[in-house]
Full PDB file with SEQRES, HELIX, SHEET, SSBOND, CRYST1, ORIGX, SCALE, CONECT and MASTER records, all heavy atoms in Angstrom:
SEQRES   1 A   43  LEU ILE GLY LEU PHE GLN LEU ILE ALA ALA ILE PHE PRO          
SEQRES   2 A   43  GLY THR SER ARG SER GLY ALA THR ILE LEU GLY GLY ILE          
SEQRES   3 A   43  LEU ILE GLY LEU SER ARG THR THR ALA ALA GLU PHE THR          
SEQRES   4 A   43  PHE PHE LEU ALA                                              
HELIX    1 AA1 ILE A    2  ILE A   11  1                                  10    
HELIX    2 AA2 ARG A   17  LEU A   27  1                                  11    
HELIX    3 AA3 ARG A   32  LEU A   42  1                                  11    
CRYST1    1.000    1.000    1.000  90.00  90.00  90.00 P 1           1          
ORIGX1      1.000000  0.000000  0.000000        0.00000                         
ORIGX2      0.000000  1.000000  0.000000        0.00000                         
ORIGX3      0.000000  0.000000  1.000000        0.00000                         
SCALE1      1.000000  0.000000  0.000000        0.00000                         
SCALE2      0.000000  1.000000  0.000000        0.00000                         
SCALE3      0.000000  0.000000  1.000000        0.00000                         
ATOM      1  N   LEU A   1       6.888   1.392   6.780  1.00  0.00           N  
ATOM      2  CA  LEU A   1       7.215   0.562   5.674  1.00  0.00           C  
ATOM      3  C   LEU A   1       6.052   0.734   4.645  1.00  0.00           C  
ATOM      4  O   LEU A   1       6.351   0.758   3.303  1.00  0.00           O  
ATOM      5  CB  LEU A   1       7.339  -0.807   6.128  1.00  0.00           C  
ATOM      6  CG  LEU A   1       8.604  -1.131   7.015  1.00  0.00           C  
ATOM      7  CD1 LEU A   1       8.623  -2.655   7.490  1.00  0.00           C  
ATOM      8  CD2 LEU A   1       9.865  -0.984   6.147  1.00  0.00           C  
ATOM      9  N   ILE A   2       4.942   0.731   4.986  1.00  0.00           N  
ATOM     10  CA  ILE A   2       3.728   0.905   4.071  1.00  0.00           C  
ATOM     11  C   ILE A   2       3.936   2.249   3.346  1.00  0.00           C  
ATOM     12  O   ILE A   2       3.516   2.418   2.176  1.00  0.00           O  
ATOM     13  CB  ILE A   2       2.441   0.697   4.756  1.00  0.00           C  
ATOM     14  CG1 ILE A   2       2.224  -0.782   5.183  1.00  0.00           C  
ATOM     15  CG2 ILE A   2       1.271   1.046   3.832  1.00  0.00           C  
ATOM     16  CD1 ILE A   2       0.954  -0.983   6.118  1.00  0.00           C  
ATOM     17  N   GLY A   3       4.205   3.224   4.203  1.00  0.00           N  
ATOM     18  CA  GLY A   3       4.448   4.568   3.612  1.00  0.00           C  
ATOM     19  C   GLY A   3       5.509   4.613   2.570  1.00  0.00           C  
ATOM     20  O   GLY A   3       5.497   5.414   1.618  1.00  0.00           O  
ATOM     21  N   LEU A   4       6.608   3.778   2.676  1.00  0.00           N  
ATOM     22  CA  LEU A   4       7.635   3.687   1.736  1.00  0.00           C  
ATOM     23  C   LEU A   4       7.154   3.096   0.425  1.00  0.00           C  
ATOM     24  O   LEU A   4       7.440   3.539  -0.643  1.00  0.00           O  
ATOM     25  CB  LEU A   4       8.795   3.010   2.247  1.00  0.00           C  
ATOM     26  CG  LEU A   4       9.654   3.619   3.418  1.00  0.00           C  
ATOM     27  CD1 LEU A   4      10.692   2.750   3.847  1.00  0.00           C  
ATOM     28  CD2 LEU A   4      10.236   4.970   2.921  1.00  0.00           C  
ATOM     29  N   PHE A   5       6.306   2.211   0.586  1.00  0.00           N  
ATOM     30  CA  PHE A   5       5.576   1.547  -0.628  1.00  0.00           C  
ATOM     31  C   PHE A   5       4.705   2.546  -1.293  1.00  0.00           C  
ATOM     32  O   PHE A   5       4.651   2.677  -2.528  1.00  0.00           O  
ATOM     33  CB  PHE A   5       4.761   0.272  -0.264  1.00  0.00           C  
ATOM     34  CG  PHE A   5       5.673  -1.006  -0.167  1.00  0.00           C  
ATOM     35  CD1 PHE A   5       6.168  -1.291   0.964  1.00  0.00           C  
ATOM     36  CD2 PHE A   5       5.834  -1.750  -1.273  1.00  0.00           C  
ATOM     37  CE1 PHE A   5       6.867  -2.488   1.185  1.00  0.00           C  
ATOM     38  CE2 PHE A   5       6.639  -2.902  -1.175  1.00  0.00           C  
ATOM     39  CZ  PHE A   5       7.248  -3.194   0.045  1.00  0.00           C  
ATOM     40  N   GLN A   6       4.070   3.361  -0.504  1.00  0.00           N  
ATOM     41  CA  GLN A   6       3.250   4.497  -0.988  1.00  0.00           C  
ATOM     42  C   GLN A   6       4.047   5.485  -1.710  1.00  0.00           C  
ATOM     43  O   GLN A   6       3.584   5.976  -2.782  1.00  0.00           O  
ATOM     44  CB  GLN A   6       2.490   5.093   0.013  1.00  0.00           C  
ATOM     45  CG  GLN A   6       1.457   6.237  -0.435  1.00  0.00           C  
ATOM     46  CD  GLN A   6       0.670   6.813   0.600  1.00  0.00           C  
ATOM     47  OE1 GLN A   6      -0.608   6.622   0.586  1.00  0.00           O  
ATOM     48  NE2 GLN A   6       1.093   7.527   1.620  1.00  0.00           N  
ATOM     49  N   LEU A   7       5.277   5.744  -1.252  1.00  0.00           N  
ATOM     50  CA  LEU A   7       6.103   6.669  -1.890  1.00  0.00           C  
ATOM     51  C   LEU A   7       6.515   6.242  -3.275  1.00  0.00           C  
ATOM     52  O   LEU A   7       6.574   7.083  -4.294  1.00  0.00           O  
ATOM     53  CB  LEU A   7       7.488   6.769  -1.016  1.00  0.00           C  
ATOM     54  CG  LEU A   7       8.532   7.690  -1.641  1.00  0.00           C  
ATOM     55  CD1 LEU A   7       7.988   9.163  -1.730  1.00  0.00           C  
ATOM     56  CD2 LEU A   7       9.744   7.682  -0.761  1.00  0.00           C  
ATOM     57  N   ILE A   8       6.651   4.883  -3.483  1.00  0.00           N  
ATOM     58  CA  ILE A   8       6.845   4.407  -4.896  1.00  0.00           C  
ATOM     59  C   ILE A   8       5.731   4.869  -5.761  1.00  0.00           C  
ATOM     60  O   ILE A   8       5.992   5.188  -6.944  1.00  0.00           O  
ATOM     61  CB  ILE A   8       6.989   2.823  -4.871  1.00  0.00           C  
ATOM     62  CG1 ILE A   8       8.221   2.504  -3.960  1.00  0.00           C  
ATOM     63  CG2 ILE A   8       7.207   2.421  -6.257  1.00  0.00           C  
ATOM     64  CD1 ILE A   8       8.396   0.948  -3.721  1.00  0.00           C  
ATOM     65  N   ALA A   9       4.500   4.669  -5.375  1.00  0.00           N  
ATOM     66  CA  ALA A   9       3.384   5.016  -6.071  1.00  0.00           C  
ATOM     67  C   ALA A   9       3.257   6.553  -6.305  1.00  0.00           C  
ATOM     68  O   ALA A   9       2.911   6.980  -7.474  1.00  0.00           O  
ATOM     69  CB  ALA A   9       1.996   4.602  -5.521  1.00  0.00           C  
ATOM     70  N   ALA A  10       3.742   7.326  -5.350  1.00  0.00           N  
ATOM     71  CA  ALA A  10       3.749   8.792  -5.404  1.00  0.00           C  
ATOM     72  C   ALA A  10       4.720   9.247  -6.578  1.00  0.00           C  
ATOM     73  O   ALA A  10       4.449  10.181  -7.282  1.00  0.00           O  
ATOM     74  CB  ALA A  10       4.063   9.427  -4.216  1.00  0.00           C  
ATOM     75  N   ILE A  11       5.822   8.442  -6.709  1.00  0.00           N  
ATOM     76  CA  ILE A  11       6.831   8.948  -7.683  1.00  0.00           C  
ATOM     77  C   ILE A  11       6.474   8.400  -9.143  1.00  0.00           C  
ATOM     78  O   ILE A  11       6.535   9.121 -10.061  1.00  0.00           O  
ATOM     79  CB  ILE A  11       8.221   8.380  -7.250  1.00  0.00           C  
ATOM     80  CG1 ILE A  11       8.610   9.149  -5.908  1.00  0.00           C  
ATOM     81  CG2 ILE A  11       9.267   8.614  -8.290  1.00  0.00           C  
ATOM     82  CD1 ILE A  11       9.875   8.588  -5.350  1.00  0.00           C  
ATOM     83  N   PHE A  12       6.162   7.109  -9.146  1.00  0.00           N  
ATOM     84  CA  PHE A  12       5.908   6.554 -10.420  1.00  0.00           C  
ATOM     85  C   PHE A  12       4.416   6.237 -10.706  1.00  0.00           C  
ATOM     86  O   PHE A  12       3.863   5.354 -10.220  1.00  0.00           O  
ATOM     87  CB  PHE A  12       6.561   5.149 -10.515  1.00  0.00           C  
ATOM     88  CG  PHE A  12       8.107   5.286 -10.244  1.00  0.00           C  
ATOM     89  CD1 PHE A  12       8.724   4.931  -9.118  1.00  0.00           C  
ATOM     90  CD2 PHE A  12       8.926   5.854 -11.205  1.00  0.00           C  
ATOM     91  CE1 PHE A  12      10.050   5.024  -8.866  1.00  0.00           C  
ATOM     92  CE2 PHE A  12      10.330   6.009 -11.077  1.00  0.00           C  
ATOM     93  CZ  PHE A  12      10.879   5.493  -9.855  1.00  0.00           C  
ATOM     94  N   PRO A  13       3.810   7.140 -11.503  1.00  0.00           N  
ATOM     95  CA  PRO A  13       2.341   6.916 -11.907  1.00  0.00           C  
ATOM     96  C   PRO A  13       2.165   5.691 -12.587  1.00  0.00           C  
ATOM     97  O   PRO A  13       3.147   5.245 -13.388  1.00  0.00           O  
ATOM     98  CB  PRO A  13       2.027   8.137 -12.727  1.00  0.00           C  
ATOM     99  CG  PRO A  13       3.402   8.613 -13.252  1.00  0.00           C  
ATOM    100  CD  PRO A  13       4.262   8.271 -12.092  1.00  0.00           C  
ATOM    101  N   GLY A  14       1.095   4.935 -12.358  1.00  0.00           N  
ATOM    102  CA  GLY A  14       0.828   3.735 -12.985  1.00  0.00           C  
ATOM    103  C   GLY A  14       0.998   2.571 -11.945  1.00  0.00           C  
ATOM    104  O   GLY A  14       0.634   1.484 -12.145  1.00  0.00           O  
ATOM    105  N   THR A  15       1.776   2.947 -10.884  1.00  0.00           N  
ATOM    106  CA  THR A  15       2.095   1.927  -9.783  1.00  0.00           C  
ATOM    107  C   THR A  15       0.818   1.620  -9.149  1.00  0.00           C  
ATOM    108  O   THR A  15       0.540   0.398  -8.772  1.00  0.00           O  
ATOM    109  CB  THR A  15       3.068   2.475  -8.774  1.00  0.00           C  
ATOM    110  OG1 THR A  15       4.311   2.711  -9.455  1.00  0.00           O  
ATOM    111  CG2 THR A  15       3.343   1.473  -7.664  1.00  0.00           C  
ATOM    112  N   SER A  16      -0.022   2.593  -8.826  1.00  0.00           N  
ATOM    113  CA  SER A  16      -1.372   2.440  -8.062  1.00  0.00           C  
ATOM    114  C   SER A  16      -0.985   2.605  -6.598  1.00  0.00           C  
ATOM    115  O   SER A  16      -0.312   1.688  -6.022  1.00  0.00           O  
ATOM    116  CB  SER A  16      -2.023   1.156  -8.338  1.00  0.00           C  
ATOM    117  OG  SER A  16      -3.137   0.985  -7.376  1.00  0.00           O  
ATOM    118  N   ARG A  17      -1.453   3.605  -6.069  1.00  0.00           N  
ATOM    119  CA  ARG A  17      -1.341   3.876  -4.554  1.00  0.00           C  
ATOM    120  C   ARG A  17      -1.944   2.733  -3.740  1.00  0.00           C  
ATOM    121  O   ARG A  17      -1.261   2.197  -2.854  1.00  0.00           O  
ATOM    122  CB  ARG A  17      -1.956   5.188  -4.206  1.00  0.00           C  
ATOM    123  CG  ARG A  17      -1.646   5.747  -2.760  1.00  0.00           C  
ATOM    124  CD  ARG A  17      -2.582   6.620  -2.299  1.00  0.00           C  
ATOM    125  NE  ARG A  17      -3.929   6.092  -2.213  1.00  0.00           N  
ATOM    126  CZ  ARG A  17      -4.377   5.303  -1.167  1.00  0.00           C  
ATOM    127  NH1 ARG A  17      -3.636   5.109  -0.172  1.00  0.00           N  
ATOM    128  NH2 ARG A  17      -5.622   4.874  -1.249  1.00  0.00           N  
ATOM    129  N   SER A  18      -3.139   2.299  -3.985  1.00  0.00           N  
ATOM    130  CA  SER A  18      -3.755   1.263  -3.221  1.00  0.00           C  
ATOM    131  C   SER A  18      -3.003   0.004  -3.593  1.00  0.00           C  
ATOM    132  O   SER A  18      -2.824  -0.894  -2.714  1.00  0.00           O  
ATOM    133  CB  SER A  18      -5.260   1.015  -3.635  1.00  0.00           C  
ATOM    134  OG  SER A  18      -5.382   0.767  -5.053  1.00  0.00           O  
ATOM    135  N   GLY A  19      -2.622  -0.252  -4.888  1.00  0.00           N  
ATOM    136  CA  GLY A  19      -1.764  -1.483  -5.224  1.00  0.00           C  
ATOM    137  C   GLY A  19      -0.522  -1.659  -4.519  1.00  0.00           C  
ATOM    138  O   GLY A  19      -0.198  -2.606  -3.929  1.00  0.00           O  
ATOM    139  N   ALA A  20       0.308  -0.498  -4.311  1.00  0.00           N  
ATOM    140  CA  ALA A  20       1.560  -0.555  -3.682  1.00  0.00           C  
ATOM    141  C   ALA A  20       1.365  -0.753  -2.168  1.00  0.00           C  
ATOM    142  O   ALA A  20       2.241  -1.481  -1.593  1.00  0.00           O  
ATOM    143  CB  ALA A  20       2.239   0.812  -3.984  1.00  0.00           C  
ATOM    144  N   THR A  21       0.447  -0.032  -1.568  1.00  0.00           N  
ATOM    145  CA  THR A  21       0.223  -0.123  -0.131  1.00  0.00           C  
ATOM    146  C   THR A  21      -0.314  -1.544   0.304  1.00  0.00           C  
ATOM    147  O   THR A  21       0.131  -2.098   1.233  1.00  0.00           O  
ATOM    148  CB  THR A  21      -0.612   0.955   0.402  1.00  0.00           C  
ATOM    149  OG1 THR A  21      -1.859   1.098  -0.303  1.00  0.00           O  
ATOM    150  CG2 THR A  21       0.115   2.441   0.319  1.00  0.00           C  
ATOM    151  N   ILE A  22      -1.217  -2.053  -0.550  1.00  0.00           N  
ATOM    152  CA  ILE A  22      -1.838  -3.338  -0.172  1.00  0.00           C  
ATOM    153  C   ILE A  22      -0.656  -4.423  -0.384  1.00  0.00           C  
ATOM    154  O   ILE A  22      -0.442  -5.275   0.455  1.00  0.00           O  
ATOM    155  CB  ILE A  22      -2.975  -3.685  -1.147  1.00  0.00           C  
ATOM    156  CG1 ILE A  22      -4.274  -2.773  -0.625  1.00  0.00           C  
ATOM    157  CG2 ILE A  22      -3.405  -5.099  -1.013  1.00  0.00           C  
ATOM    158  CD1 ILE A  22      -5.380  -2.954  -1.612  1.00  0.00           C  
ATOM    159  N   LEU A  23       0.070  -4.426  -1.482  1.00  0.00           N  
ATOM    160  CA  LEU A  23       1.082  -5.241  -1.784  1.00  0.00           C  
ATOM    161  C   LEU A  23       2.243  -5.132  -0.740  1.00  0.00           C  
ATOM    162  O   LEU A  23       2.601  -6.290  -0.179  1.00  0.00           O  
ATOM    163  CB  LEU A  23       1.747  -4.909  -3.024  1.00  0.00           C  
ATOM    164  CG  LEU A  23       2.558  -6.060  -3.852  1.00  0.00           C  
ATOM    165  CD1 LEU A  23       1.615  -7.205  -4.193  1.00  0.00           C  
ATOM    166  CD2 LEU A  23       3.180  -5.491  -5.007  1.00  0.00           C  
ATOM    167  N   GLY A  24       2.519  -3.919  -0.275  1.00  0.00           N  
ATOM    168  CA  GLY A  24       3.550  -3.826   0.756  1.00  0.00           C  
ATOM    169  C   GLY A  24       2.966  -4.308   2.146  1.00  0.00           C  
ATOM    170  O   GLY A  24       3.852  -5.067   2.896  1.00  0.00           O  
ATOM    171  N   GLY A  25       1.750  -4.035   2.390  1.00  0.00           N  
ATOM    172  CA  GLY A  25       1.296  -4.597   3.701  1.00  0.00           C  
ATOM    173  C   GLY A  25       1.153  -6.038   3.680  1.00  0.00           C  
ATOM    174  O   GLY A  25       1.529  -6.641   4.707  1.00  0.00           O  
ATOM    175  N   ILE A  26       0.818  -6.729   2.605  1.00  0.00           N  
ATOM    176  CA  ILE A  26       0.825  -8.178   2.596  1.00  0.00           C  
ATOM    177  C   ILE A  26       2.340  -8.706   2.694  1.00  0.00           C  
ATOM    178  O   ILE A  26       2.505  -9.701   3.414  1.00  0.00           O  
ATOM    179  CB  ILE A  26       0.223  -8.676   1.278  1.00  0.00           C  
ATOM    180  CG1 ILE A  26      -1.299  -8.376   1.129  1.00  0.00           C  
ATOM    181  CG2 ILE A  26       0.460 -10.290   0.977  1.00  0.00           C  
ATOM    182  CD1 ILE A  26      -1.960  -8.667  -0.210  1.00  0.00           C  
ATOM    183  N   LEU A  27       3.105  -8.100   2.050  1.00  0.00           N  
ATOM    184  CA  LEU A  27       4.537  -8.470   2.115  1.00  0.00           C  
ATOM    185  C   LEU A  27       5.134  -8.420   3.461  1.00  0.00           C  
ATOM    186  O   LEU A  27       5.985  -9.341   3.989  1.00  0.00           O  
ATOM    187  CB  LEU A  27       5.420  -7.597   1.169  1.00  0.00           C  
ATOM    188  CG  LEU A  27       6.720  -8.196   0.730  1.00  0.00           C  
ATOM    189  CD1 LEU A  27       6.635  -9.592   0.138  1.00  0.00           C  
ATOM    190  CD2 LEU A  27       7.473  -7.173  -0.140  1.00  0.00           C  
ATOM    191  N   ILE A  28       4.750  -7.527   4.358  1.00  0.00           N  
ATOM    192  CA  ILE A  28       5.338  -7.398   5.634  1.00  0.00           C  
ATOM    193  C   ILE A  28       4.451  -8.121   6.729  1.00  0.00           C  
ATOM    194  O   ILE A  28       4.762  -8.083   8.011  1.00  0.00           O  
ATOM    195  CB  ILE A  28       5.495  -5.961   6.108  1.00  0.00           C  
ATOM    196  CG1 ILE A  28       4.183  -5.155   6.213  1.00  0.00           C  
ATOM    197  CG2 ILE A  28       6.486  -5.366   5.215  1.00  0.00           C  
ATOM    198  CD1 ILE A  28       4.193  -3.743   6.793  1.00  0.00           C  
ATOM    199  N   GLY A  29       3.414  -8.880   6.369  1.00  0.00           N  
ATOM    200  CA  GLY A  29       2.628  -9.744   7.271  1.00  0.00           C  
ATOM    201  C   GLY A  29       1.244  -9.441   7.575  1.00  0.00           C  
ATOM    202  O   GLY A  29       0.620 -10.042   8.428  1.00  0.00           O  
ATOM    203  N   LEU A  30       0.677  -8.360   6.803  1.00  0.00           N  
ATOM    204  CA  LEU A  30      -0.703  -7.895   7.134  1.00  0.00           C  
ATOM    205  C   LEU A  30      -1.643  -8.891   6.252  1.00  0.00           C  
ATOM    206  O   LEU A  30      -1.321  -9.375   5.210  1.00  0.00           O  
ATOM    207  CB  LEU A  30      -0.940  -6.534   6.712  1.00  0.00           C  
ATOM    208  CG  LEU A  30      -0.562  -5.365   7.672  1.00  0.00           C  
ATOM    209  CD1 LEU A  30       0.809  -5.429   8.036  1.00  0.00           C  
ATOM    210  CD2 LEU A  30      -1.182  -4.157   7.144  1.00  0.00           C  
ATOM    211  N   SER A  31      -2.726  -9.165   6.847  1.00  0.00           N  
ATOM    212  CA  SER A  31      -3.773  -9.863   6.062  1.00  0.00           C  
ATOM    213  C   SER A  31      -4.239  -9.028   4.970  1.00  0.00           C  
ATOM    214  O   SER A  31      -4.148  -7.812   5.036  1.00  0.00           O  
ATOM    215  CB  SER A  31      -4.910 -10.375   6.908  1.00  0.00           C  
ATOM    216  OG  SER A  31      -5.600  -9.203   7.461  1.00  0.00           O  
ATOM    217  N   ARG A  32      -4.904  -9.630   3.989  1.00  0.00           N  
ATOM    218  CA  ARG A  32      -5.428  -8.877   2.896  1.00  0.00           C  
ATOM    219  C   ARG A  32      -6.447  -7.734   3.308  1.00  0.00           C  
ATOM    220  O   ARG A  32      -6.435  -6.597   2.818  1.00  0.00           O  
ATOM    221  CB  ARG A  32      -6.124  -9.760   1.793  1.00  0.00           C  
ATOM    222  CG  ARG A  32      -5.039 -10.610   1.026  1.00  0.00           C  
ATOM    223  CD  ARG A  32      -5.723 -11.253  -0.183  1.00  0.00           C  
ATOM    224  NE  ARG A  32      -4.845 -12.216  -0.737  1.00  0.00           N  
ATOM    225  CZ  ARG A  32      -4.862 -13.603  -0.373  1.00  0.00           C  
ATOM    226  NH1 ARG A  32      -5.694 -13.936   0.493  1.00  0.00           N  
ATOM    227  NH2 ARG A  32      -3.996 -14.415  -0.943  1.00  0.00           N  
ATOM    228  N   THR A  33      -7.326  -8.250   4.142  1.00  0.00           N  
ATOM    229  CA  THR A  33      -8.339  -7.266   4.548  1.00  0.00           C  
ATOM    230  C   THR A  33      -7.869  -6.030   5.387  1.00  0.00           C  
ATOM    231  O   THR A  33      -8.249  -5.022   5.302  1.00  0.00           O  
ATOM    232  CB  THR A  33      -9.523  -7.956   5.323  1.00  0.00           C  
ATOM    233  OG1 THR A  33      -8.939  -8.716   6.448  1.00  0.00           O  
ATOM    234  CG2 THR A  33     -10.245  -8.895   4.454  1.00  0.00           C  
ATOM    235  N   THR A  34      -6.881  -6.488   6.334  1.00  0.00           N  
ATOM    236  CA  THR A  34      -6.338  -5.416   7.038  1.00  0.00           C  
ATOM    237  C   THR A  34      -5.462  -4.395   6.218  1.00  0.00           C  
ATOM    238  O   THR A  34      -5.491  -3.232   6.344  1.00  0.00           O  
ATOM    239  CB  THR A  34      -5.341  -5.983   8.078  1.00  0.00           C  
ATOM    240  OG1 THR A  34      -6.081  -6.942   8.927  1.00  0.00           O  
ATOM    241  CG2 THR A  34      -4.704  -4.878   9.056  1.00  0.00           C  
ATOM    242  N   ALA A  35      -4.635  -4.939   5.199  1.00  0.00           N  
ATOM    243  CA  ALA A  35      -3.880  -4.124   4.213  1.00  0.00           C  
ATOM    244  C   ALA A  35      -4.777  -3.290   3.518  1.00  0.00           C  
ATOM    245  O   ALA A  35      -4.493  -2.023   3.316  1.00  0.00           O  
ATOM    246  CB  ALA A  35      -3.033  -5.012   3.283  1.00  0.00           C  
ATOM    247  N   ALA A  36      -5.895  -3.766   3.103  1.00  0.00           N  
ATOM    248  CA  ALA A  36      -6.906  -3.007   2.277  1.00  0.00           C  
ATOM    249  C   ALA A  36      -7.482  -1.950   3.045  1.00  0.00           C  
ATOM    250  O   ALA A  36      -7.607  -0.680   2.585  1.00  0.00           O  
ATOM    251  CB  ALA A  36      -7.979  -3.836   1.706  1.00  0.00           C  
ATOM    252  N   GLU A  37      -7.947  -2.196   4.335  1.00  0.00           N  
ATOM    253  CA  GLU A  37      -8.580  -1.202   5.132  1.00  0.00           C  
ATOM    254  C   GLU A  37      -7.638  -0.034   5.516  1.00  0.00           C  
ATOM    255  O   GLU A  37      -7.971   1.046   5.482  1.00  0.00           O  
ATOM    256  CB  GLU A  37      -9.087  -1.792   6.435  1.00  0.00           C  
ATOM    257  CG  GLU A  37     -10.300  -2.659   6.267  1.00  0.00           C  
ATOM    258  CD  GLU A  37     -10.783  -3.344   7.596  1.00  0.00           C  
ATOM    259  OE1 GLU A  37      -9.995  -3.408   8.488  1.00  0.00           O  
ATOM    260  OE2 GLU A  37     -11.972  -3.841   7.458  1.00  0.00           O  
ATOM    261  N   PHE A  38      -6.305  -0.544   5.809  1.00  0.00           N  
ATOM    262  CA  PHE A  38      -5.389   0.602   6.196  1.00  0.00           C  
ATOM    263  C   PHE A  38      -5.008   1.430   5.005  1.00  0.00           C  
ATOM    264  O   PHE A  38      -4.922   2.638   5.102  1.00  0.00           O  
ATOM    265  CB  PHE A  38      -4.099   0.011   6.629  1.00  0.00           C  
ATOM    266  CG  PHE A  38      -3.072   0.904   7.271  1.00  0.00           C  
ATOM    267  CD1 PHE A  38      -3.338   1.534   8.528  1.00  0.00           C  
ATOM    268  CD2 PHE A  38      -1.975   1.341   6.553  1.00  0.00           C  
ATOM    269  CE1 PHE A  38      -2.452   2.416   9.088  1.00  0.00           C  
ATOM    270  CE2 PHE A  38      -1.116   2.195   7.111  1.00  0.00           C  
ATOM    271  CZ  PHE A  38      -1.304   2.775   8.340  1.00  0.00           C  
ATOM    272  N   THR A  39      -5.129   0.934   3.738  1.00  0.00           N  
ATOM    273  CA  THR A  39      -4.960   1.670   2.546  1.00  0.00           C  
ATOM    274  C   THR A  39      -6.152   2.629   2.282  1.00  0.00           C  
ATOM    275  O   THR A  39      -5.773   3.790   2.011  1.00  0.00           O  
ATOM    276  CB  THR A  39      -4.930   0.741   1.376  1.00  0.00           C  
ATOM    277  OG1 THR A  39      -3.798  -0.044   1.416  1.00  0.00           O  
ATOM    278  CG2 THR A  39      -5.049   1.434   0.074  1.00  0.00           C  
ATOM    279  N   PHE A  40      -7.329   2.190   2.691  1.00  0.00           N  
ATOM    280  CA  PHE A  40      -8.529   3.134   2.644  1.00  0.00           C  
ATOM    281  C   PHE A  40      -8.307   4.343   3.586  1.00  0.00           C  
ATOM    282  O   PHE A  40      -8.473   5.484   3.182  1.00  0.00           O  
ATOM    283  CB  PHE A  40      -9.712   2.413   2.937  1.00  0.00           C  
ATOM    284  CG  PHE A  40     -10.138   1.351   2.001  1.00  0.00           C  
ATOM    285  CD1 PHE A  40     -11.001   0.199   2.411  1.00  0.00           C  
ATOM    286  CD2 PHE A  40      -9.639   1.192   0.763  1.00  0.00           C  
ATOM    287  CE1 PHE A  40     -11.357  -0.709   1.674  1.00  0.00           C  
ATOM    288  CE2 PHE A  40     -10.024   0.322  -0.119  1.00  0.00           C  
ATOM    289  CZ  PHE A  40     -10.855  -0.752   0.274  1.00  0.00           C  
ATOM    290  N   PHE A  41      -7.881   4.006   4.817  1.00  0.00           N  
ATOM    291  CA  PHE A  41      -7.635   5.106   5.736  1.00  0.00           C  
ATOM    292  C   PHE A  41      -6.581   6.034   5.470  1.00  0.00           C  
ATOM    293  O   PHE A  41      -6.549   7.225   5.656  1.00  0.00           O  
ATOM    294  CB  PHE A  41      -7.509   4.560   7.157  1.00  0.00           C  
ATOM    295  CG  PHE A  41      -8.580   3.610   7.666  1.00  0.00           C  
ATOM    296  CD1 PHE A  41      -8.454   2.769   8.668  1.00  0.00           C  
ATOM    297  CD2 PHE A  41      -9.824   3.626   7.033  1.00  0.00           C  
ATOM    298  CE1 PHE A  41      -9.458   1.828   9.093  1.00  0.00           C  
ATOM    299  CE2 PHE A  41     -10.881   2.721   7.515  1.00  0.00           C  
ATOM    300  CZ  PHE A  41     -10.564   1.893   8.557  1.00  0.00           C  
ATOM    301  N   LEU A  42      -5.486   5.510   4.818  1.00  0.00           N  
ATOM    302  CA  LEU A  42      -4.384   6.165   4.500  1.00  0.00           C  
ATOM    303  C   LEU A  42      -4.733   7.191   3.343  1.00  0.00           C  
ATOM    304  O   LEU A  42      -4.085   8.206   3.176  1.00  0.00           O  
ATOM    305  CB  LEU A  42      -3.251   5.243   4.114  1.00  0.00           C  
ATOM    306  CG  LEU A  42      -1.908   5.745   3.669  1.00  0.00           C  
ATOM    307  CD1 LEU A  42      -1.305   6.561   4.799  1.00  0.00           C  
ATOM    308  CD2 LEU A  42      -0.910   4.590   3.336  1.00  0.00           C  
ATOM    309  N   ALA A  43      -5.667   6.721   2.518  1.00  0.00           N  
ATOM    310  CA  ALA A  43      -6.063   7.620   1.398  1.00  0.00           C  
ATOM    311  C   ALA A  43      -6.645   8.903   1.895  1.00  0.00           C  
ATOM    312  O   ALA A  43      -6.542   9.921   1.094  1.00  0.00           O  
ATOM    313  CB  ALA A  43      -7.108   6.760   0.582  1.00  0.00           C  
TER     314      ALA A  43                                                      
MASTER        0    0    0    3    0    0    0    6  313    1    0    4          
END                                                                             
């Protein structure tokens, strides 16, 4: 699911890869710190 949010950022510049994945992570129930760390590792 986080990968699908990242896909949005990959298609539409300006979305922000970190913004999309953090936002997606929070939306599906991740804490902010966990969503941010997973975003870093995913990068």
